[in-house]
Amino acid sequence: MTNNTTRFSDRVEDYVKYRPHYPQAVLTFLQDTYGFDPTWVVADIGSGTGISTELFLRNFNEVYAVEPNQEMRAKAEELLDGYPGFISIDGTAEATGLPDACANLIVAGQAFHWFDPVASRVEFDRIARPGAVVALVWNERLTETSFEKEYEALIQQYAGEYKTVNHRNITDEQLAGFFSPAAMTLARFDNQQLFDLEGLKGRLLSSSYVPKGNVAMMAALEQLFARHAVEGRVRVGYDTKLYSGLL
């Protein structure tokens, strides 16, 4: 994560306001499949502004929120300080700074594609308690409706880095290799957001690969919104993918 640590420093406010959260079904799956419960200690790696962290804090878990970006970590501390189980850590996936054998669940929300898979696996093994579970989760934006397809095309047109840093570059086979020799399970859940024009602009600009100050891009986004908005809103759908397994 080192080379990408500062990518989101100027995106924090948009990230907090406009990034999707994770469905409660993620917790239900972990409970039903692995026996996850509030007594488990969670290590949330690449925790950012705390979107995934809060999911587990609301379940009354103790959560180590490990995040190298100072601005994102500070925002998480501001938002989540009221939760007694919240522990903020300045660290990376490859060097978390956590004690040995401290976590029952190691989770990465919208973050694993920034990790070094070999070094992070070594670190995960170190911090995992016996029988620990790893859960890697992404809200993957859909490209099914006419709006979603045109929104995807707009990003590809104006965001030069998009194809390079897109998390979709990691294949299921590569993820299975990370869990090996244990088996990996993939679970999928529906998720969505509804945006007015301001929200759609914020959602676009929350992505680190999207250039700021591009007048042509924002004009194209406004036109896209005008074509597809229903009662002043557009829907962005997601396929929430949860890759999990034992260490």
C-alpha atoms as a PDB file:
ATOM      1  CA  MET A   1       0.000   0.000   0.000  1.00  0.00           C
ATOM      2  CA  THR A   2       2.970   2.333   0.472  1.00  0.00           C
ATOM      3  CA  ASN A   3       3.014   3.849  -3.019  1.00  0.00           C
ATOM      4  CA  ASN A   4      -0.722   4.511  -2.897  1.00  0.00           C
ATOM      5  CA  THR A   5      -0.978   5.818   0.645  1.00  0.00           C
ATOM      6  CA  THR A   6      -1.767   9.430  -0.272  1.00  0.00           C
ATOM      7  CA  ARG A   7      -4.091   8.745  -3.217  1.00  0.00           C
ATOM      8  CA  PHE A   8      -7.248   9.588  -1.279  1.00  0.00           C
ATOM      9  CA  SER A   9      -5.955  12.492   0.809  1.00  0.00           C
ATOM     10  CA  ASP A  10      -7.964  15.077  -1.150  1.00  0.00           C
ATOM     11  CA  ARG A  11     -11.049  12.838  -1.504  1.00  0.00           C
ATOM     12  CA  VAL A  12     -11.947  12.317   2.141  1.00  0.00           C
ATOM     13  CA  GLU A  13     -15.135  14.398   2.356  1.00  0.00           C
ATOM     14  CA  ASP A  14     -16.574  12.982  -0.876  1.00  0.00           C
ATOM     15  CA  TYR A  15     -15.568   9.491   0.231  1.00  0.00           C
ATOM     16  CA  VAL A  16     -17.455   9.810   3.518  1.00  0.00           C
ATOM     17  CA  LYS A  17     -20.572  11.333   1.970  1.00  0.00           C
ATOM     18  CA  TYR A  18     -20.933   9.374  -1.246  1.00  0.00           C
ATOM     19  CA  ARG A  19     -19.275   5.956  -1.066  1.00  0.00           C
ATOM     20  CA  PRO A  20     -21.626   2.986  -0.572  1.00  0.00           C
ATOM     21  CA  HIS A  21     -21.805   1.141   2.712  1.00  0.00           C
ATOM     22  CA  TYR A  22     -22.027  -2.646   2.996  1.00  0.00           C
ATOM     23  CA  PRO A  23     -25.276  -4.571   3.393  1.00  0.00           C
ATOM     24  CA  GLN A  24     -26.131  -6.204   6.701  1.00  0.00           C
ATOM     25  CA  ALA A  25     -26.153  -9.486   4.774  1.00  0.00           C
ATOM     26  CA  VAL A  26     -22.340  -9.482   4.997  1.00  0.00           C
ATOM     27  CA  LEU A  27     -22.541  -9.916   8.768  1.00  0.00           C
ATOM     28  CA  THR A  28     -25.311 -12.484   8.480  1.00  0.00           C
ATOM     29  CA  PHE A  29     -23.202 -14.561   6.102  1.00  0.00           C
ATOM     30  CA  LEU A  30     -20.188 -14.462   8.424  1.00  0.00           C
ATOM     31  CA  GLN A  31     -22.379 -15.442  11.360  1.00  0.00           C
ATOM     32  CA  ASP A  32     -24.036 -18.341   9.536  1.00  0.00           C
ATOM     33  CA  THR A  33     -20.862 -19.622   7.860  1.00  0.00           C
ATOM     34  CA  TYR A  34     -18.162 -19.132  10.489  1.00  0.00           C
ATOM     35  CA  GLY A  35     -19.967 -18.495  13.762  1.00  0.00           C
ATOM     36  CA  PHE A  36     -18.922 -14.844  13.810  1.00  0.00           C
ATOM     37  CA  ASP A  37     -20.264 -13.023  16.869  1.00  0.00           C
ATOM     38  CA  PRO A  38     -19.654  -9.876  18.961  1.00  0.00           C
ATOM     39  CA  THR A  39     -16.865 -11.552  20.952  1.00  0.00           C
ATOM     40  CA  TRP A  40     -14.628 -11.739  17.871  1.00  0.00           C
ATOM     41  CA  VAL A  41     -11.820  -9.207  17.563  1.00  0.00           C
ATOM     42  CA  VAL A  42     -11.737  -7.689  14.070  1.00  0.00           C
ATOM     43  CA  ALA A  43      -8.733  -6.261  12.224  1.00  0.00           C
ATOM     44  CA  ASP A  44      -9.988  -3.972   9.447  1.00  0.00           C
ATOM     45  CA  ILE A  45      -7.039  -3.482   7.108  1.00  0.00           C
ATOM     46  CA  GLY A  46      -7.008  -0.427   4.865  1.00  0.00           C
ATOM     47  CA  SER A  47      -9.967   0.838   6.861  1.00  0.00           C
ATOM     48  CA  GLY A  48     -10.046   4.294   5.280  1.00  0.00           C
ATOM     49  CA  THR A  49     -12.723   6.560   6.711  1.00  0.00           C
ATOM     50  CA  GLY A  50     -14.272   3.650   8.592  1.00  0.00           C
ATOM     51  CA  ILE A  51     -17.120   2.509   6.348  1.00  0.00           C
ATOM     52  CA  SER A  52     -16.358  -1.173   6.880  1.00  0.00           C
ATOM     53  CA  THR A  53     -15.160  -0.562  10.442  1.00  0.00           C
ATOM     54  CA  GLU A  54     -18.520   0.834  11.490  1.00  0.00           C
ATOM     55  CA  LEU A  55     -20.350  -2.246  10.214  1.00  0.00           C
ATOM     56  CA  PHE A  56     -18.534  -4.302  12.851  1.00  0.00           C
ATOM     57  CA  LEU A  57     -18.593  -1.665  15.587  1.00  0.00           C
ATOM     58  CA  ARG A  58     -22.378  -1.626  15.338  1.00  0.00           C
ATOM     59  CA  ASN A  59     -22.217  -5.371  15.979  1.00  0.00           C
ATOM     60  CA  PHE A  60     -20.384  -4.554  19.254  1.00  0.00           C
ATOM     61  CA  ASN A  61     -17.070  -5.995  18.075  1.00  0.00           C
ATOM     62  CA  GLU A  62     -13.694  -4.631  19.090  1.00  0.00           C
ATOM     63  CA  VAL A  63     -12.134  -3.390  15.834  1.00  0.00           C
ATOM     64  CA  TYR A  64      -8.545  -2.475  15.041  1.00  0.00           C
ATOM     65  CA  ALA A  65      -8.889   0.018  12.177  1.00  0.00           C
ATOM     66  CA  VAL A  66      -5.541  -0.067  10.355  1.00  0.00           C
ATOM     67  CA  GLU A  67      -5.080   2.789   7.875  1.00  0.00           C
ATOM     68  CA  PRO A  68      -1.877   4.443   6.559  1.00  0.00           C
ATOM     69  CA  ASN A  69      -3.476   7.588   5.116  1.00  0.00           C
ATOM     70  CA  GLN A  70      -3.424  10.323   7.749  1.00  0.00           C
ATOM     71  CA  GLU A  71      -6.406  12.270   6.424  1.00  0.00           C
ATOM     72  CA  MET A  72      -8.646   9.222   6.087  1.00  0.00           C
ATOM     73  CA  ARG A  73      -7.591   7.864   9.464  1.00  0.00           C
ATOM     74  CA  ALA A  74      -8.300  11.222  11.131  1.00  0.00           C
ATOM     75  CA  LYS A  75     -11.781  11.309   9.610  1.00  0.00           C
ATOM     76  CA  ALA A  76     -12.488   7.794  10.895  1.00  0.00           C
ATOM     77  CA  GLU A  77     -11.340   8.853  14.359  1.00  0.00           C
ATOM     78  CA  GLU A  78     -13.662  11.854  14.215  1.00  0.00           C
ATOM     79  CA  LEU A  79     -16.662   9.781  13.118  1.00  0.00           C
ATOM     80  CA  LEU A  80     -16.162   6.625  15.173  1.00  0.00           C
ATOM     81  CA  ASP A  81     -14.617   7.819  18.420  1.00  0.00           C
ATOM     82  CA  GLY A  82     -17.892   7.242  20.256  1.00  0.00           C
ATOM     83  CA  TYR A  83     -17.729   3.481  19.766  1.00  0.00           C
ATOM     84  CA  PRO A  84     -15.979   1.810  22.737  1.00  0.00           C
ATOM     85  CA  GLY A  85     -14.554  -0.964  20.545  1.00  0.00           C
ATOM     86  CA  PHE A  86     -12.826   1.372  18.068  1.00  0.00           C
ATOM     87  CA  ILE A  87      -9.014   1.285  18.016  1.00  0.00           C
ATOM     88  CA  SER A  88      -7.278   3.395  15.362  1.00  0.00           C
ATOM     89  CA  ILE A  89      -3.886   2.203  14.105  1.00  0.00           C
ATOM     90  CA  ASP A  90      -1.408   3.888  11.755  1.00  0.00           C
ATOM     91  CA  GLY A  91      -0.255   0.908   9.705  1.00  0.00           C
ATOM     92  CA  THR A  92      -0.363  -0.903   6.384  1.00  0.00           C
ATOM     93  CA  ALA A  93      -1.489  -4.332   5.244  1.00  0.00           C
ATOM     94  CA  GLU A  94       2.125  -5.421   5.090  1.00  0.00           C
ATOM     95  CA  ALA A  95       3.094  -3.926   8.483  1.00  0.00           C
ATOM     96  CA  THR A  96      -0.037  -3.458  10.564  1.00  0.00           C
ATOM     97  CA  GLY A  97       1.667  -2.734  13.868  1.00  0.00           C
ATOM     98  CA  LEU A  98      -0.764  -5.125  15.562  1.00  0.00           C
ATOM     99  CA  PRO A  99       0.236  -7.733  18.166  1.00  0.00           C
ATOM    100  CA  ASP A 100       0.749 -11.371  17.223  1.00  0.00           C
ATOM    101  CA  ALA A 101      -2.384 -13.549  17.214  1.00  0.00           C
ATOM    102  CA  CYS A 102      -4.768 -10.695  18.006  1.00  0.00           C
ATOM    103  CA  ALA A 103      -7.605 -11.074  15.484  1.00  0.00           C
ATOM    104  CA  ASN A 104     -10.401 -13.585  14.923  1.00  0.00           C
ATOM    105  CA  LEU A 105     -11.495 -11.860  11.706  1.00  0.00           C
ATOM    106  CA  ILE A 106      -9.284  -9.970   9.265  1.00  0.00           C
ATOM    107  CA  VAL A 107     -11.325  -7.883   6.856  1.00  0.00           C
ATOM    108  CA  ALA A 108     -10.495  -5.569   3.959  1.00  0.00           C
ATOM    109  CA  GLY A 109     -13.279  -3.460   2.498  1.00  0.00           C
ATOM    110  CA  GLN A 110     -12.622  -1.976  -0.939  1.00  0.00           C
ATOM    111  CA  ALA A 111      -8.904  -2.189  -0.176  1.00  0.00           C
ATOM    112  CA  PHE A 112      -7.223  -5.509  -0.960  1.00  0.00           C
ATOM    113  CA  HIS A 113      -6.331  -4.495  -4.532  1.00  0.00           C
ATOM    114  CA  TRP A 114      -3.919  -1.950  -3.039  1.00  0.00           C
ATOM    115  CA  PHE A 115      -2.071  -4.595  -0.979  1.00  0.00           C
ATOM    116  CA  ASP A 116       1.063  -6.568  -1.764  1.00  0.00           C
ATOM    117  CA  PRO A 117      -0.536 -10.040  -1.708  1.00  0.00           C
ATOM    118  CA  VAL A 118       2.573 -11.935  -0.609  1.00  0.00           C
ATOM    119  CA  ALA A 119       3.678  -9.579   2.168  1.00  0.00           C
ATOM    120  CA  SER A 120       0.130  -9.030   3.413  1.00  0.00           C
ATOM    121  CA  ARG A 121      -0.496 -12.785   3.605  1.00  0.00           C
ATOM    122  CA  VAL A 122       2.588 -13.134   5.819  1.00  0.00           C
ATOM    123  CA  GLU A 123       1.310 -10.316   8.031  1.00  0.00           C
ATOM    124  CA  PHE A 124      -2.212 -11.743   8.168  1.00  0.00           C
ATOM    125  CA  ASP A 125      -0.806 -15.094   9.297  1.00  0.00           C
ATOM    126  CA  ARG A 126       1.097 -13.297  12.061  1.00  0.00           C
ATOM    127  CA  ILE A 127      -1.858 -11.360  13.477  1.00  0.00           C
ATOM    128  CA  ALA A 128      -4.425 -14.158  13.084  1.00  0.00           C
ATOM    129  CA  ARG A 129      -5.621 -16.191  16.031  1.00  0.00           C
ATOM    130  CA  PRO A 130      -6.005 -19.947  15.489  1.00  0.00           C
ATOM    131  CA  GLY A 131      -9.019 -20.558  13.255  1.00  0.00           C
ATOM    132  CA  ALA A 132      -9.160 -16.941  12.096  1.00  0.00           C
ATOM    133  CA  VAL A 133     -11.234 -15.921   9.088  1.00  0.00           C
ATOM    134  CA  VAL A 134     -10.244 -13.527   6.295  1.00  0.00           C
ATOM    135  CA  ALA A 135     -12.982 -11.574   4.504  1.00  0.00           C
ATOM    136  CA  LEU A 136     -12.229  -9.454   1.433  1.00  0.00           C
ATOM    137  CA  VAL A 137     -15.200  -7.400   0.282  1.00  0.00           C
ATOM    138  CA  TRP A 138     -15.908  -5.047  -2.597  1.00  0.00           C
ATOM    139  CA  ASN A 139     -18.928  -3.056  -3.672  1.00  0.00           C
ATOM    140  CA  GLU A 140     -18.575  -3.664  -7.403  1.00  0.00           C
ATOM    141  CA  ARG A 141     -20.475  -1.105  -9.440  1.00  0.00           C
ATOM    142  CA  LEU A 142     -22.874  -2.657 -11.935  1.00  0.00           C
ATOM    143  CA  THR A 143     -22.992  -1.836 -15.636  1.00  0.00           C
ATOM    144  CA  GLU A 144     -26.399  -3.291 -16.479  1.00  0.00           C
ATOM    145  CA  THR A 145     -28.834  -0.404 -16.997  1.00  0.00           C
ATOM    146  CA  SER A 146     -28.484   2.232 -19.713  1.00  0.00           C
ATOM    147  CA  PHE A 147     -27.447   4.778 -17.100  1.00  0.00           C
ATOM    148  CA  GLU A 148     -24.868   2.455 -15.534  1.00  0.00           C
ATOM    149  CA  LYS A 149     -23.361   1.636 -18.927  1.00  0.00           C
ATOM    150  CA  GLU A 150     -23.079   5.297 -19.891  1.00  0.00           C
ATOM    151  CA  TYR A 151     -21.628   6.184 -16.480  1.00  0.00           C
ATOM    152  CA  GLU A 152     -18.982   3.487 -16.937  1.00  0.00           C
ATOM    153  CA  ALA A 153     -18.186   4.818 -20.423  1.00  0.00           C
ATOM    154  CA  LEU A 154     -17.800   8.344 -19.028  1.00  0.00           C
ATOM    155  CA  ILE A 155     -15.277   7.143 -16.456  1.00  0.00           C
ATOM    156  CA  GLN A 156     -13.312   5.252 -19.079  1.00  0.00           C
ATOM    157  CA  GLN A 157     -13.260   8.343 -21.295  1.00  0.00           C
ATOM    158  CA  TYR A 158     -12.055  10.839 -18.703  1.00  0.00           C
ATOM    159  CA  ALA A 159     -10.195   8.813 -16.051  1.00  0.00           C
ATOM    160  CA  GLY A 160      -6.914   7.671 -17.573  1.00  0.00           C
ATOM    161  CA  GLU A 161      -5.871   5.611 -14.541  1.00  0.00           C
ATOM    162  CA  TYR A 162      -9.157   3.740 -14.258  1.00  0.00           C
ATOM    163  CA  LYS A 163      -8.183   0.564 -16.065  1.00  0.00           C
ATOM    164  CA  THR A 164      -4.818   0.433 -14.291  1.00  0.00           C
ATOM    165  CA  VAL A 165      -6.030   0.670 -10.692  1.00  0.00           C
ATOM    166  CA  ASN A 166      -9.474  -0.930 -11.030  1.00  0.00           C
ATOM    167  CA  HIS A 167      -9.996  -3.684  -8.455  1.00  0.00           C
ATOM    168  CA  ARG A 168     -11.505  -5.844 -11.199  1.00  0.00           C
ATOM    169  CA  ASN A 169      -7.932  -6.422 -12.380  1.00  0.00           C
ATOM    170  CA  ILE A 170      -7.638  -9.016  -9.604  1.00  0.00           C
ATOM    171  CA  THR A 171      -9.102 -12.308 -10.763  1.00  0.00           C
ATOM    172  CA  ASP A 172     -10.968 -14.840  -8.662  1.00  0.00           C
ATOM    173  CA  GLU A 173      -8.104 -17.246  -9.339  1.00  0.00           C
ATOM    174  CA  GLN A 174      -5.596 -14.812  -7.850  1.00  0.00           C
ATOM    175  CA  LEU A 175      -7.792 -14.316  -4.806  1.00  0.00           C
ATOM    176  CA  ALA A 176      -8.135 -18.074  -4.375  1.00  0.00           C
ATOM    177  CA  GLY A 177      -4.341 -18.263  -4.444  1.00  0.00           C
ATOM    178  CA  PHE A 178      -4.180 -15.810  -1.548  1.00  0.00           C
ATOM    179  CA  PHE A 179      -6.344 -18.114   0.587  1.00  0.00           C
ATOM    180  CA  SER A 180      -4.530 -21.297  -0.493  1.00  0.00           C
ATOM    181  CA  PRO A 181      -4.233 -23.970   0.794  1.00  0.00           C
ATOM    182  CA  ALA A 182      -7.575 -23.209   2.466  1.00  0.00           C
ATOM    183  CA  ALA A 183     -10.696 -22.994   0.335  1.00  0.00           C
ATOM    184  CA  MET A 184     -12.174 -19.632  -0.647  1.00  0.00           C
ATOM    185  CA  THR A 185     -15.908 -18.930  -0.656  1.00  0.00           C
ATOM    186  CA  LEU A 186     -17.564 -16.210  -2.745  1.00  0.00           C
ATOM    187  CA  ALA A 187     -20.874 -14.751  -1.567  1.00  0.00           C
ATOM    188  CA  ARG A 188     -22.728 -11.978  -3.407  1.00  0.00           C
ATOM    189  CA  PHE A 189     -25.319  -9.473  -2.232  1.00  0.00           C
ATOM    190  CA  ASP A 190     -27.376  -6.713  -3.834  1.00  0.00           C
ATOM    191  CA  ASN A 191     -26.611  -3.115  -2.914  1.00  0.00           C
ATOM    192  CA  GLN A 192     -27.558   0.280  -4.302  1.00  0.00           C
ATOM    193  CA  GLN A 193     -27.400   4.049  -3.925  1.00  0.00           C
ATOM    194  CA  LEU A 194     -29.803   6.763  -5.088  1.00  0.00           C
ATOM    195  CA  PHE A 195     -28.250  10.110  -6.017  1.00  0.00           C
ATOM    196  CA  ASP A 196     -29.349  13.588  -6.918  1.00  0.00           C
ATOM    197  CA  LEU A 197     -26.978  15.516  -9.192  1.00  0.00           C
ATOM    198  CA  GLU A 198     -24.795  16.770  -6.343  1.00  0.00           C
ATOM    199  CA  GLY A 199     -24.518  13.247  -4.969  1.00  0.00           C
ATOM    200  CA  LEU A 200     -23.601  11.775  -8.338  1.00  0.00           C
ATOM    201  CA  LYS A 201     -20.852  14.362  -8.744  1.00  0.00           C
ATOM    202  CA  GLY A 202     -19.547  13.513  -5.286  1.00  0.00           C
ATOM    203  CA  ARG A 203     -19.654   9.789  -5.992  1.00  0.00           C
ATOM    204  CA  LEU A 204     -17.614  10.295  -9.158  1.00  0.00           C
ATOM    205  CA  LEU A 205     -15.044  12.513  -7.461  1.00  0.00           C
ATOM    206  CA  SER A 206     -14.640  10.118  -4.511  1.00  0.00           C
ATOM    207  CA  SER A 207     -12.587   7.835  -6.770  1.00  0.00           C
ATOM    208  CA  SER A 208      -8.847   8.500  -6.718  1.00  0.00           C
ATOM    209  CA  TYR A 209      -8.461   7.879 -10.451  1.00  0.00           C
ATOM    210  CA  VAL A 210     -10.988  10.567 -11.451  1.00  0.00           C
ATOM    211  CA  PRO A 211      -9.378  13.939 -12.290  1.00  0.00           C
ATOM    212  CA  LYS A 212     -10.588  16.993 -10.401  1.00  0.00           C
ATOM    213  CA  GLY A 213     -11.355  20.234 -12.188  1.00  0.00           C
ATOM    214  CA  ASN A 214     -12.245  18.613 -15.521  1.00  0.00           C
ATOM    215  CA  VAL A 215     -14.978  20.898 -16.857  1.00  0.00           C
ATOM    216  CA  ALA A 216     -15.792  18.694 -19.851  1.00  0.00           C
ATOM    217  CA  MET A 217     -16.190  15.628 -17.650  1.00  0.00           C
ATOM    218  CA  MET A 218     -18.560  17.353 -15.251  1.00  0.00           C
ATOM    219  CA  ALA A 219     -20.601  18.769 -18.137  1.00  0.00           C
ATOM    220  CA  ALA A 220     -20.903  15.269 -19.579  1.00  0.00           C
ATOM    221  CA  LEU A 221     -21.988  13.975 -16.167  1.00  0.00           C
ATOM    222  CA  GLU A 222     -24.690  16.643 -15.917  1.00  0.00           C
ATOM    223  CA  GLN A 223     -25.991  15.670 -19.353  1.00  0.00           C
ATOM    224  CA  LEU A 224     -25.958  11.999 -18.367  1.00  0.00           C
ATOM    225  CA  PHE A 225     -27.940  12.780 -15.230  1.00  0.00           C
ATOM    226  CA  ALA A 226     -30.477  14.857 -17.173  1.00  0.00           C
ATOM    227  CA  ARG A 227     -31.096  11.980 -19.594  1.00  0.00           C
ATOM    228  CA  HIS A 228     -31.695   9.342 -16.943  1.00  0.00           C
ATOM    229  CA  ALA A 229     -32.927  10.974 -13.728  1.00  0.00           C
ATOM    230  CA  VAL A 230     -36.349   9.931 -12.478  1.00  0.00           C
ATOM    231  CA  GLU A 231     -37.897  12.327  -9.967  1.00  0.00           C
ATOM    232  CA  GLY A 232     -34.489  13.952  -9.582  1.00  0.00           C
ATOM    233  CA  ARG A 233     -32.582  10.752  -8.793  1.00  0.00           C
ATOM    234  CA  VAL A 234     -30.481   8.108 -10.515  1.00  0.00           C
ATOM    235  CA  ARG A 235     -29.781   4.626  -9.180  1.00  0.00           C
ATOM    236  CA  VAL A 236     -26.278   3.171  -8.951  1.00  0.00           C
ATOM    237  CA  GLY A 237     -26.405  -0.577  -8.388  1.00  0.00           C
ATOM    238  CA  TYR A 238     -23.688  -2.739  -6.858  1.00  0.00           C
ATOM    239  CA  ASP A 239     -22.811  -6.394  -6.645  1.00  0.00           C
ATOM    240  CA  THR A 240     -21.299  -6.703  -3.170  1.00  0.00           C
ATOM    241  CA  LYS A 241     -18.731  -9.496  -3.410  1.00  0.00           C
ATOM    242  CA  LEU A 242     -17.448 -11.165  -0.245  1.00  0.00           C
ATOM    243  CA  TYR A 243     -14.465 -13.500  -0.601  1.00  0.00           C
ATOM    244  CA  SER A 244     -13.813 -15.405   2.606  1.00  0.00           C
ATOM    245  CA  GLY A 245     -11.959 -18.354   4.043  1.00  0.00           C
ATOM    246  CA  LEU A 246      -9.982 -19.683   6.970  1.00  0.00           C
ATOM    247  CA  LEU A 247      -6.286 -19.002   7.474  1.00  0.00           C
END
